[in-house]
Amino acid sequence: MKTKSETLGTSTLAVEVSYISALGVWILINEKEYYMPFADFPWFRNADHEHIQNVKEVSPNHYFWEDLDVDLTLNMIVNPEAYPLRDTYRLAH
Protein backbone atom coordinates (compact mmCIF):
# COMPACT_ATOMS: atom_id res chain seq x y z
CA MET A 1 0.00 0.00 0.00
CA LYS A 2 1.43 3.34 -1.01
CA THR A 3 0.70 6.34 1.17
CA LYS A 4 1.20 9.99 0.43
CA SER A 5 2.07 12.58 3.04
CA GLU A 6 -0.28 15.49 3.08
CA THR A 7 1.10 18.99 2.80
CA LEU A 8 1.13 20.77 6.10
CA GLY A 9 -1.18 23.75 6.35
CA THR A 10 -0.19 27.28 7.13
CA SER A 11 0.13 28.50 10.69
CA THR A 12 -3.16 29.20 12.43
CA LEU A 13 -1.53 31.77 14.69
CA ALA A 14 -2.28 35.37 13.85
CA VAL A 15 0.90 36.47 15.62
CA GLU A 16 4.16 34.80 16.57
CA VAL A 17 7.73 35.83 17.27
CA SER A 18 9.83 34.43 14.43
CA TYR A 19 13.34 35.49 15.52
CA ILE A 20 15.15 37.24 18.36
CA SER A 21 18.62 38.68 17.78
CA ALA A 22 21.03 40.88 19.71
CA LEU A 23 19.48 43.92 17.99
CA GLY A 24 15.77 43.23 18.03
CA VAL A 25 12.76 41.00 17.50
CA TRP A 26 11.09 39.82 14.30
CA ILE A 27 7.38 39.23 14.64
CA LEU A 28 5.13 37.47 12.15
CA ILE A 29 1.64 38.95 11.94
CA ASN A 30 -0.84 37.42 9.52
CA GLU A 31 1.97 35.99 7.39
CA LYS A 32 3.90 39.30 7.18
CA GLU A 33 7.11 39.83 9.12
CA TYR A 34 7.95 43.03 11.01
CA TYR A 35 11.22 44.01 12.70
CA MET A 36 11.15 45.64 16.13
CA PRO A 37 14.63 46.98 16.98
CA PHE A 38 15.44 47.27 20.68
CA ALA A 39 16.23 50.95 20.10
CA ASP A 40 12.52 51.51 19.41
CA PHE A 41 11.12 48.71 21.59
CA PRO A 42 13.35 48.72 24.70
CA TRP A 43 10.96 46.62 26.79
CA PHE A 44 12.23 43.51 25.00
CA ARG A 45 15.99 44.20 25.29
CA ASN A 46 16.65 42.34 28.56
CA ALA A 47 13.59 40.09 28.58
CA ASP A 48 13.78 36.30 28.59
CA HIS A 49 13.16 34.76 25.18
CA GLU A 50 10.22 32.81 26.62
CA HIS A 51 8.57 36.06 27.72
CA ILE A 52 9.13 37.71 24.33
CA GLN A 53 7.63 34.72 22.55
CA ASN A 54 4.52 34.75 24.76
CA VAL A 55 2.47 37.18 22.67
CA LYS A 56 -1.28 37.10 22.04
CA GLU A 57 -3.53 39.03 19.70
CA VAL A 58 -6.13 40.44 22.08
CA SER A 59 -8.13 42.17 19.36
CA PRO A 60 -7.51 42.83 15.66
CA ASN A 61 -4.05 44.42 15.28
CA HIS A 62 -3.58 44.69 19.06
CA TYR A 63 -0.91 42.52 20.69
CA PHE A 64 -0.12 41.85 24.34
CA TRP A 65 2.94 40.34 26.01
CA GLU A 66 1.45 39.37 29.37
CA ASP A 67 4.77 38.37 30.97
CA LEU A 68 6.22 41.80 30.13
CA ASP A 69 3.01 43.86 30.50
CA VAL A 70 3.56 45.33 27.02
CA ASP A 71 0.67 46.35 24.74
CA LEU A 72 1.38 47.28 21.12
CA THR A 73 -0.78 47.87 18.08
CA LEU A 74 0.30 47.09 14.55
CA ASN A 75 0.52 50.83 13.91
CA MET A 76 2.97 51.20 16.81
CA ILE A 77 5.10 48.39 15.39
CA VAL A 78 5.09 49.85 11.87
CA ASN A 79 5.48 53.53 12.96
CA PRO A 80 7.37 53.58 16.28
CA GLU A 81 8.55 57.15 15.70
CA ALA A 82 4.94 58.34 16.09
CA TYR A 83 4.86 57.14 19.72
CA PRO A 84 7.20 59.25 21.90
CA LEU A 85 6.50 57.27 25.10
CA ARG A 86 9.32 54.97 24.11
CA ASP A 87 11.73 57.90 24.79
CA THR A 88 10.37 58.22 28.34
CA TYR A 89 11.30 54.58 28.93
CA ARG A 90 14.89 55.24 27.80
CA LEU A 91 15.27 58.16 30.22
CA ALA A 92 14.01 56.10 33.16
CA HIS A 93 16.27 53.10 32.47
PDB file of N, CA and C in Angstrom:
ATOM      1  N   MET A   1       0.845  -1.168   0.000  1.00  0.00           N
ATOM      2  CA  MET A   1       0.000   0.000   0.000  1.00  0.00           C
ATOM      3  C   MET A   1       0.893   1.234   0.000  1.00  0.00           C
ATOM      4  N   LYS A   2       0.654   2.117  -0.899  1.00  0.00           N
ATOM      5  CA  LYS A   2       1.431   3.338  -1.014  1.00  0.00           C
ATOM      6  C   LYS A   2       0.665   4.479  -0.349  1.00  0.00           C
ATOM      7  N   THR A   3       1.350   5.206   0.515  1.00  0.00           N
ATOM      8  CA  THR A   3       0.701   6.342   1.169  1.00  0.00           C
ATOM      9  C   THR A   3       1.387   7.626   0.746  1.00  0.00           C
ATOM     10  N   LYS A   4       0.668   8.681   0.803  1.00  0.00           N
ATOM     11  CA  LYS A   4       1.202   9.992   0.431  1.00  0.00           C
ATOM     12  C   LYS A   4       1.049  10.931   1.614  1.00  0.00           C
ATOM     13  N   SER A   5       2.137  11.600   1.954  1.00  0.00           N
ATOM     14  CA  SER A   5       2.067  12.584   3.036  1.00  0.00           C
ATOM     15  C   SER A   5       1.306  13.796   2.556  1.00  0.00           C
ATOM     16  N   GLU A   6       0.456  14.284   3.425  1.00  0.00           N
ATOM     17  CA  GLU A   6      -0.279  15.488   3.083  1.00  0.00           C
ATOM     18  C   GLU A   6       0.579  16.707   3.367  1.00  0.00           C
ATOM     19  N   THR A   7       0.392  17.743   2.586  1.00  0.00           N
ATOM     20  CA  THR A   7       1.099  18.987   2.799  1.00  0.00           C
ATOM     21  C   THR A   7       0.592  19.633   4.069  1.00  0.00           C
ATOM     22  N   LEU A   8       1.523  20.103   4.871  1.00  0.00           N
ATOM     23  CA  LEU A   8       1.129  20.775   6.098  1.00  0.00           C
ATOM     24  C   LEU A   8       0.478  22.102   5.761  1.00  0.00           C
ATOM     25  N   GLY A   9      -0.500  22.478   6.554  1.00  0.00           N
ATOM     26  CA  GLY A   9      -1.184  23.753   6.350  1.00  0.00           C
ATOM     27  C   GLY A   9      -0.364  24.916   6.855  1.00  0.00           C
ATOM     28  N   THR A  10      -0.852  26.087   6.635  1.00  0.00           N
ATOM     29  CA  THR A  10      -0.187  27.278   7.133  1.00  0.00           C
ATOM     30  C   THR A  10      -0.480  27.436   8.613  1.00  0.00           C
ATOM     31  N   SER A  11       0.296  28.267   9.264  1.00  0.00           N
ATOM     32  CA  SER A  11       0.129  28.502  10.687  1.00  0.00           C
ATOM     33  C   SER A  11      -1.252  29.089  10.958  1.00  0.00           C
ATOM     34  N   THR A  12      -1.856  28.650  12.049  1.00  0.00           N
ATOM     35  CA  THR A  12      -3.160  29.199  12.430  1.00  0.00           C
ATOM     36  C   THR A  12      -3.001  30.371  13.390  1.00  0.00           C
ATOM     37  N   LEU A  13      -1.768  30.653  13.785  1.00  0.00           N
ATOM     38  CA  LEU A  13      -1.528  31.767  14.688  1.00  0.00           C
ATOM     39  C   LEU A  13      -1.565  33.079  13.927  1.00  0.00           C
ATOM     40  N   ALA A  14      -2.242  34.052  14.474  1.00  0.00           N
ATOM     41  CA  ALA A  14      -2.285  35.370  13.849  1.00  0.00           C
ATOM     42  C   ALA A  14      -1.001  36.136  14.140  1.00  0.00           C
ATOM     43  N   VAL A  15      -0.321  35.783  15.236  1.00  0.00           N
ATOM     44  CA  VAL A  15       0.901  36.471  15.618  1.00  0.00           C
ATOM     45  C   VAL A  15       1.865  35.470  16.256  1.00  0.00           C
ATOM     46  N   GLU A  16       3.138  35.596  15.912  1.00  0.00           N
ATOM     47  CA  GLU A  16       4.164  34.804  16.567  1.00  0.00           C
ATOM     48  C   GLU A  16       5.512  35.486  16.387  1.00  0.00           C
ATOM     49  N   VAL A  17       6.373  35.307  17.360  1.00  0.00           N
ATOM     50  CA  VAL A  17       7.730  35.826  17.265  1.00  0.00           C
ATOM     51  C   VAL A  17       8.517  34.840  16.417  1.00  0.00           C
ATOM     52  N   SER A  18       9.119  35.330  15.334  1.00  0.00           N
ATOM     53  CA  SER A  18       9.826  34.433  14.429  1.00  0.00           C
ATOM     54  C   SER A  18      11.326  34.395  14.682  1.00  0.00           C
ATOM     55  N   TYR A  19      11.890  35.464  15.284  1.00  0.00           N
ATOM     56  CA  TYR A  19      13.337  35.485  15.517  1.00  0.00           C
ATOM     57  C   TYR A  19      13.665  36.566  16.544  1.00  0.00           C
ATOM     58  N   ILE A  20      14.641  36.264  17.386  1.00  0.00           N
ATOM     59  CA  ILE A  20      15.150  37.239  18.361  1.00  0.00           C
ATOM     60  C   ILE A  20      16.653  37.304  18.170  1.00  0.00           C
ATOM     61  N   SER A  21      17.175  38.510  17.956  1.00  0.00           N
ATOM     62  CA  SER A  21      18.618  38.682  17.775  1.00  0.00           C
ATOM     63  C   SER A  21      19.157  39.623  18.846  1.00  0.00           C
ATOM     64  N   ALA A  22      20.414  39.944  18.767  1.00  0.00           N
ATOM     65  CA  ALA A  22      21.025  40.883  19.705  1.00  0.00           C
ATOM     66  C   ALA A  22      20.536  42.309  19.479  1.00  0.00           C
ATOM     67  N   LEU A  23      19.915  42.563  18.333  1.00  0.00           N
ATOM     68  CA  LEU A  23      19.483  43.917  17.995  1.00  0.00           C
ATOM     69  C   LEU A  23      17.976  44.138  18.036  1.00  0.00           C
ATOM     70  N   GLY A  24      17.207  43.051  18.026  1.00  0.00           N
ATOM     71  CA  GLY A  24      15.766  43.233  18.029  1.00  0.00           C
ATOM     72  C   GLY A  24      15.000  41.949  17.843  1.00  0.00           C
ATOM     73  N   VAL A  25      13.706  42.112  17.590  1.00  0.00           N
ATOM     74  CA  VAL A  25      12.758  41.003  17.495  1.00  0.00           C
ATOM     75  C   VAL A  25      12.054  41.078  16.144  1.00  0.00           C
ATOM     76  N   TRP A  26      11.896  39.922  15.503  1.00  0.00           N
ATOM     77  CA  TRP A  26      11.087  39.817  14.296  1.00  0.00           C
ATOM     78  C   TRP A  26       9.789  39.141  14.695  1.00  0.00           C
ATOM     79  N   ILE A  27       8.693  39.755  14.283  1.00  0.00           N
ATOM     80  CA  ILE A  27       7.376  39.232  14.639  1.00  0.00           C
ATOM     81  C   ILE A  27       6.585  38.990  13.355  1.00  0.00           C
ATOM     82  N   LEU A  28       5.937  37.852  13.301  1.00  0.00           N
ATOM     83  CA  LEU A  28       5.131  37.473  12.152  1.00  0.00           C
ATOM     84  C   LEU A  28       3.666  37.718  12.496  1.00  0.00           C
ATOM     85  N   ILE A  29       3.043  38.603  11.725  1.00  0.00           N
ATOM     86  CA  ILE A  29       1.638  38.955  11.942  1.00  0.00           C
ATOM     87  C   ILE A  29       0.889  38.700  10.646  1.00  0.00           C
ATOM     88  N   ASN A  30      -0.050  37.763  10.705  1.00  0.00           N
ATOM     89  CA  ASN A  30      -0.842  37.417   9.525  1.00  0.00           C
ATOM     90  C   ASN A  30       0.033  37.209   8.291  1.00  0.00           C
ATOM     91  N   GLU A  31       1.067  36.403   8.462  1.00  0.00           N
ATOM     92  CA  GLU A  31       1.974  35.988   7.394  1.00  0.00           C
ATOM     93  C   GLU A  31       2.871  37.105   6.856  1.00  0.00           C
ATOM     94  N   LYS A  32       2.980  38.219   7.565  1.00  0.00           N
ATOM     95  CA  LYS A  32       3.898  39.296   7.182  1.00  0.00           C
ATOM     96  C   LYS A  32       4.838  39.543   8.354  1.00  0.00           C
ATOM     97  N   GLU A  33       6.134  39.675   8.062  1.00  0.00           N
ATOM     98  CA  GLU A  33       7.113  39.829   9.120  1.00  0.00           C
ATOM     99  C   GLU A  33       7.464  41.301   9.339  1.00  0.00           C
ATOM    100  N   TYR A  34       7.596  41.668  10.613  1.00  0.00           N
ATOM    101  CA  TYR A  34       7.950  43.030  11.012  1.00  0.00           C
ATOM    102  C   TYR A  34       9.143  42.954  11.958  1.00  0.00           C
ATOM    103  N   TYR A  35      10.030  43.939  11.838  1.00  0.00           N
ATOM    104  CA  TYR A  35      11.217  44.012  12.697  1.00  0.00           C
ATOM    105  C   TYR A  35      10.994  45.076  13.766  1.00  0.00           C
ATOM    106  N   MET A  36      11.273  44.715  15.006  1.00  0.00           N
ATOM    107  CA  MET A  36      11.149  45.642  16.128  1.00  0.00           C
ATOM    108  C   MET A  36      12.529  45.780  16.778  1.00  0.00           C
ATOM    109  N   PRO A  37      13.302  46.798  16.380  1.00  0.00           N
ATOM    110  CA  PRO A  37      14.627  46.976  16.982  1.00  0.00           C
ATOM    111  C   PRO A  37      14.513  47.394  18.446  1.00  0.00           C
ATOM    112  N   PHE A  38      15.452  46.922  19.258  1.00  0.00           N
ATOM    113  CA  PHE A  38      15.437  47.273  20.675  1.00  0.00           C
ATOM    114  C   PHE A  38      15.537  48.777  20.898  1.00  0.00           C
ATOM    115  N   ALA A  39      16.135  49.495  19.967  1.00  0.00           N
ATOM    116  CA  ALA A  39      16.228  50.948  20.105  1.00  0.00           C
ATOM    117  C   ALA A  39      14.838  51.585  20.153  1.00  0.00           C
ATOM    118  N   ASP A  40      13.893  50.994  19.430  1.00  0.00           N
ATOM    119  CA  ASP A  40      12.518  51.509  19.414  1.00  0.00           C
ATOM    120  C   ASP A  40      11.585  50.761  20.353  1.00  0.00           C
ATOM    121  N   PHE A  41      11.957  49.555  20.734  1.00  0.00           N
ATOM    122  CA  PHE A  41      11.123  48.713  21.593  1.00  0.00           C
ATOM    123  C   PHE A  41      11.973  48.189  22.754  1.00  0.00           C
ATOM    124  N   PRO A  42      12.388  49.076  23.643  1.00  0.00           N
ATOM    125  CA  PRO A  42      13.348  48.723  24.698  1.00  0.00           C
ATOM    126  C   PRO A  42      12.833  47.719  25.724  1.00  0.00           C
ATOM    127  N   TRP A  43      11.544  47.537  25.806  1.00  0.00           N
ATOM    128  CA  TRP A  43      10.958  46.617  26.787  1.00  0.00           C
ATOM    129  C   TRP A  43      11.415  45.179  26.563  1.00  0.00           C
ATOM    130  N   PHE A  44      11.834  44.868  25.341  1.00  0.00           N
ATOM    131  CA  PHE A  44      12.229  43.506  25.001  1.00  0.00           C
ATOM    132  C   PHE A  44      13.734  43.258  25.170  1.00  0.00           C
ATOM    133  N   ARG A  45      14.520  44.309  25.305  1.00  0.00           N
ATOM    134  CA  ARG A  45      15.985  44.198  25.291  1.00  0.00           C
ATOM    135  C   ARG A  45      16.525  43.174  26.291  1.00  0.00           C
ATOM    136  N   ASN A  46      16.116  43.225  27.522  1.00  0.00           N
ATOM    137  CA  ASN A  46      16.650  42.336  28.556  1.00  0.00           C
ATOM    138  C   ASN A  46      15.663  41.256  28.997  1.00  0.00           C
ATOM    139  N   ALA A  47      14.617  41.075  28.218  1.00  0.00           N
ATOM    140  CA  ALA A  47      13.586  40.090  28.576  1.00  0.00           C
ATOM    141  C   ALA A  47      14.023  38.682  28.184  1.00  0.00           C
ATOM    142  N   ASP A  48      13.549  37.705  28.937  1.00  0.00           N
ATOM    143  CA  ASP A  48      13.781  36.304  28.590  1.00  0.00           C
ATOM    144  C   ASP A  48      13.103  35.993  27.260  1.00  0.00           C
ATOM    145  N   HIS A  49      13.733  35.133  26.477  1.00  0.00           N
ATOM    146  CA  HIS A  49      13.157  34.762  25.179  1.00  0.00           C
ATOM    147  C   HIS A  49      11.759  34.174  25.336  1.00  0.00           C
ATOM    148  N   GLU A  50      11.553  33.388  26.379  1.00  0.00           N
ATOM    149  CA  GLU A  50      10.221  32.810  26.622  1.00  0.00           C
ATOM    150  C   GLU A  50       9.169  33.893  26.798  1.00  0.00           C
ATOM    151  N   HIS A  51       9.522  34.965  27.487  1.00  0.00           N
ATOM    152  CA  HIS A  51       8.573  36.055  27.720  1.00  0.00           C
ATOM    153  C   HIS A  51       8.295  36.834  26.439  1.00  0.00           C
ATOM    154  N   ILE A  52       9.325  37.006  25.613  1.00  0.00           N
ATOM    155  CA  ILE A  52       9.134  37.707  24.334  1.00  0.00           C
ATOM    156  C   ILE A  52       8.238  36.885  23.416  1.00  0.00           C
ATOM    157  N   GLN A  53       8.404  35.585  23.436  1.00  0.00           N
ATOM    158  CA  GLN A  53       7.625  34.721  22.552  1.00  0.00           C
ATOM    159  C   GLN A  53       6.177  34.553  23.006  1.00  0.00           C
ATOM    160  N   ASN A  54       5.883  34.902  24.230  1.00  0.00           N
ATOM    161  CA  ASN A  54       4.524  34.751  24.760  1.00  0.00           C
ATOM    162  C   ASN A  54       3.689  35.980  24.408  1.00  0.00           C
ATOM    163  N   VAL A  55       3.261  36.049  23.159  1.00  0.00           N
ATOM    164  CA  VAL A  55       2.466  37.178  22.671  1.00  0.00           C
ATOM    165  C   VAL A  55       1.115  36.657  22.197  1.00  0.00           C
ATOM    166  N   LYS A  56       0.089  37.451  22.448  1.00  0.00           N
ATOM    167  CA  LYS A  56      -1.276  37.096  22.039  1.00  0.00           C
ATOM    168  C   LYS A  56      -1.897  38.287  21.315  1.00  0.00           C
ATOM    169  N   GLU A  57      -2.733  37.983  20.342  1.00  0.00           N
ATOM    170  CA  GLU A  57      -3.527  39.028  19.699  1.00  0.00           C
ATOM    171  C   GLU A  57      -4.811  39.148  20.506  1.00  0.00           C
ATOM    172  N   VAL A  58      -4.967  40.262  21.202  1.00  0.00           N
ATOM    173  CA  VAL A  58      -6.130  40.437  22.080  1.00  0.00           C
ATOM    174  C   VAL A  58      -7.339  41.013  21.352  1.00  0.00           C
ATOM    175  N   SER A  59      -7.089  41.686  20.254  1.00  0.00           N
ATOM    176  CA  SER A  59      -8.131  42.167  19.356  1.00  0.00           C
ATOM    177  C   SER A  59      -7.435  42.417  18.020  1.00  0.00           C
ATOM    178  N   PRO A  60      -8.178  42.645  16.955  1.00  0.00           N
ATOM    179  CA  PRO A  60      -7.509  42.826  15.664  1.00  0.00           C
ATOM    180  C   PRO A  60      -6.429  43.915  15.717  1.00  0.00           C
ATOM    181  N   ASN A  61      -5.215  43.517  15.326  1.00  0.00           N
ATOM    182  CA  ASN A  61      -4.048  44.419  15.279  1.00  0.00           C
ATOM    183  C   ASN A  61      -3.654  44.999  16.630  1.00  0.00           C
ATOM    184  N   HIS A  62      -3.945  44.282  17.701  1.00  0.00           N
ATOM    185  CA  HIS A  62      -3.578  44.687  19.059  1.00  0.00           C
ATOM    186  C   HIS A  62      -2.949  43.482  19.745  1.00  0.00           C
ATOM    187  N   TYR A  63      -1.691  43.643  20.182  1.00  0.00           N
ATOM    188  CA  TYR A  63      -0.907  42.520  20.685  1.00  0.00           C
ATOM    189  C   TYR A  63      -0.462  42.784  22.118  1.00  0.00           C
ATOM    190  N   PHE A  64      -0.437  41.713  22.917  1.00  0.00           N
ATOM    191  CA  PHE A  64      -0.125  41.848  24.337  1.00  0.00           C
ATOM    192  C   PHE A  64       0.869  40.769  24.757  1.00  0.00           C
ATOM    193  N   TRP A  65       1.940  41.215  25.407  1.00  0.00           N
ATOM    194  CA  TRP A  65       2.936  40.344  26.009  1.00  0.00           C
ATOM    195  C   TRP A  65       2.659  40.360  27.514  1.00  0.00           C
ATOM    196  N   GLU A  66       1.902  39.388  27.979  1.00  0.00           N
ATOM    197  CA  GLU A  66       1.454  39.366  29.372  1.00  0.00           C
ATOM    198  C   GLU A  66       2.631  39.323  30.346  1.00  0.00           C
ATOM    199  N   ASP A  67       3.629  38.506  30.062  1.00  0.00           N
ATOM    200  CA  ASP A  67       4.775  38.372  30.967  1.00  0.00           C
ATOM    201  C   ASP A  67       5.543  39.678  31.128  1.00  0.00           C
ATOM    202  N   LEU A  68       5.479  40.536  30.117  1.00  0.00           N
ATOM    203  CA  LEU A  68       6.224  41.801  30.132  1.00  0.00           C
ATOM    204  C   LEU A  68       5.319  43.007  30.360  1.00  0.00           C
ATOM    205  N   ASP A  69       4.002  42.798  30.378  1.00  0.00           N
ATOM    206  CA  ASP A  69       3.009  43.860  30.501  1.00  0.00           C
ATOM    207  C   ASP A  69       3.208  44.921  29.417  1.00  0.00           C
ATOM    208  N   VAL A  70       3.349  44.448  28.177  1.00  0.00           N
ATOM    209  CA  VAL A  70       3.555  45.328  27.022  1.00  0.00           C
ATOM    210  C   VAL A  70       2.380  45.163  26.067  1.00  0.00           C
ATOM    211  N   ASP A  71       1.761  46.281  25.715  1.00  0.00           N
ATOM    212  CA  ASP A  71       0.675  46.351  24.736  1.00  0.00           C
ATOM    213  C   ASP A  71       1.178  47.117  23.529  1.00  0.00           C
ATOM    214  N   LEU A  72       1.014  46.564  22.337  1.00  0.00           N
ATOM    215  CA  LEU A  72       1.378  47.277  21.115  1.00  0.00           C
ATOM    216  C   LEU A  72       0.317  47.037  20.055  1.00  0.00           C
ATOM    217  N   THR A  73       0.082  48.038  19.242  1.00  0.00           N
ATOM    218  CA  THR A  73      -0.783  47.867  18.084  1.00  0.00           C
ATOM    219  C   THR A  73       0.113  47.703  16.859  1.00  0.00           C
ATOM    220  N   LEU A  74      -0.464  47.230  15.784  1.00  0.00           N
ATOM    221  CA  LEU A  74       0.297  47.095  14.549  1.00  0.00           C
ATOM    222  C   LEU A  74       0.836  48.448  14.110  1.00  0.00           C
ATOM    223  N   ASN A  75       0.056  49.498  14.284  1.00  0.00           N
ATOM    224  CA  ASN A  75       0.519  50.829  13.906  1.00  0.00           C
ATOM    225  C   ASN A  75       1.749  51.240  14.714  1.00  0.00           C
ATOM    226  N   MET A  76       1.796  50.891  15.980  1.00  0.00           N
ATOM    227  CA  MET A  76       2.965  51.196  16.810  1.00  0.00           C
ATOM    228  C   MET A  76       4.195  50.436  16.318  1.00  0.00           C
ATOM    229  N   ILE A  77       3.987  49.205  15.882  1.00  0.00           N
ATOM    230  CA  ILE A  77       5.096  48.386  15.388  1.00  0.00           C
ATOM    231  C   ILE A  77       5.619  48.939  14.065  1.00  0.00           C
ATOM    232  N   VAL A  78       4.712  49.344  13.187  1.00  0.00           N
ATOM    233  CA  VAL A  78       5.089  49.850  11.870  1.00  0.00           C
ATOM    234  C   VAL A  78       5.641  51.279  11.942  1.00  0.00           C
ATOM    235  N   ASN A  79       5.114  52.102  12.858  1.00  0.00           N
ATOM    236  CA  ASN A  79       5.483  53.528  12.957  1.00  0.00           C
ATOM    237  C   ASN A  79       5.917  53.899  14.375  1.00  0.00           C
ATOM    238  N   PRO A  80       6.988  53.306  14.890  1.00  0.00           N
ATOM    239  CA  PRO A  80       7.366  53.576  16.285  1.00  0.00           C
ATOM    240  C   PRO A  80       7.725  55.042  16.554  1.00  0.00           C
ATOM    241  N   GLU A  81       8.175  55.743  15.515  1.00  0.00           N
ATOM    242  CA  GLU A  81       8.548  57.151  15.700  1.00  0.00           C
ATOM    243  C   GLU A  81       7.353  58.034  16.053  1.00  0.00           C
ATOM    244  N   ALA A  82       6.154  57.575  15.791  1.00  0.00           N
ATOM    245  CA  ALA A  82       4.941  58.341  16.092  1.00  0.00           C
ATOM    246  C   ALA A  82       4.511  58.210  17.557  1.00  0.00           C
ATOM    247  N   TYR A  83       5.243  57.409  18.334  1.00  0.00           N
ATOM    248  CA  TYR A  83       4.858  57.141  19.721  1.00  0.00           C
ATOM    249  C   TYR A  83       6.002  57.503  20.659  1.00  0.00           C
ATOM    250  N   PRO A  84       6.063  58.765  21.103  1.00  0.00           N
ATOM    251  CA  PRO A  84       7.196  59.247  21.896  1.00  0.00           C
ATOM    252  C   PRO A  84       7.337  58.647  23.290  1.00  0.00           C
ATOM    253  N   LEU A  85       6.370  57.873  23.771  1.00  0.00           N
ATOM    254  CA  LEU A  85       6.496  57.275  25.095  1.00  0.00           C
ATOM    255  C   LEU A  85       7.706  56.354  25.186  1.00  0.00           C
ATOM    256  N   ARG A  86       8.153  55.827  24.078  1.00  0.00           N
ATOM    257  CA  ARG A  86       9.325  54.969  24.107  1.00  0.00           C
ATOM    258  C   ARG A  86      10.543  55.751  24.580  1.00  0.00           C
ATOM    259  N   ASP A  87      10.613  57.067  24.317  1.00  0.00           N
ATOM    260  CA  ASP A  87      11.732  57.898  24.787  1.00  0.00           C
ATOM    261  C   ASP A  87      11.687  58.061  26.298  1.00  0.00           C
ATOM    262  N   THR A  88      10.506  58.131  26.876  1.00  0.00           N
ATOM    263  CA  THR A  88      10.370  58.220  28.338  1.00  0.00           C
ATOM    264  C   THR A  88      10.967  56.987  28.992  1.00  0.00           C
ATOM    265  N   TYR A  89      10.751  55.827  28.389  1.00  0.00           N
ATOM    266  CA  TYR A  89      11.299  54.579  28.926  1.00  0.00           C
ATOM    267  C   TYR A  89      12.829  54.655  28.948  1.00  0.00           C
ATOM    268  N   ARG A  90      13.423  55.147  27.878  1.00  0.00           N
ATOM    269  CA  ARG A  90      14.885  55.243  27.805  1.00  0.00           C
ATOM    270  C   ARG A  90      15.448  56.136  28.906  1.00  0.00           C
ATOM    271  N   LEU A  91      14.777  57.235  29.186  1.00  0.00           N
ATOM    272  CA  LEU A  91      15.265  58.156  30.223  1.00  0.00           C
ATOM    273  C   LEU A  91      15.193  57.540  31.611  1.00  0.00           C
ATOM    274  N   ALA A  92      14.192  56.702  31.839  1.00  0.00           N
ATOM    275  CA  ALA A  92      14.006  56.102  33.160  1.00  0.00           C
ATOM    276  C   ALA A  92      14.920  54.900  33.386  1.00  0.00           C
ATOM    277  N   HIS A  93      15.452  54.309  32.315  1.00  0.00           N
ATOM    278  CA  HIS A  93      16.272  53.097  32.472  1.00  0.00           C
ATOM    279  C   HIS A  93      17.660  53.370  32.020  1.00  0.00           C
TER     280      HIS A  93
END
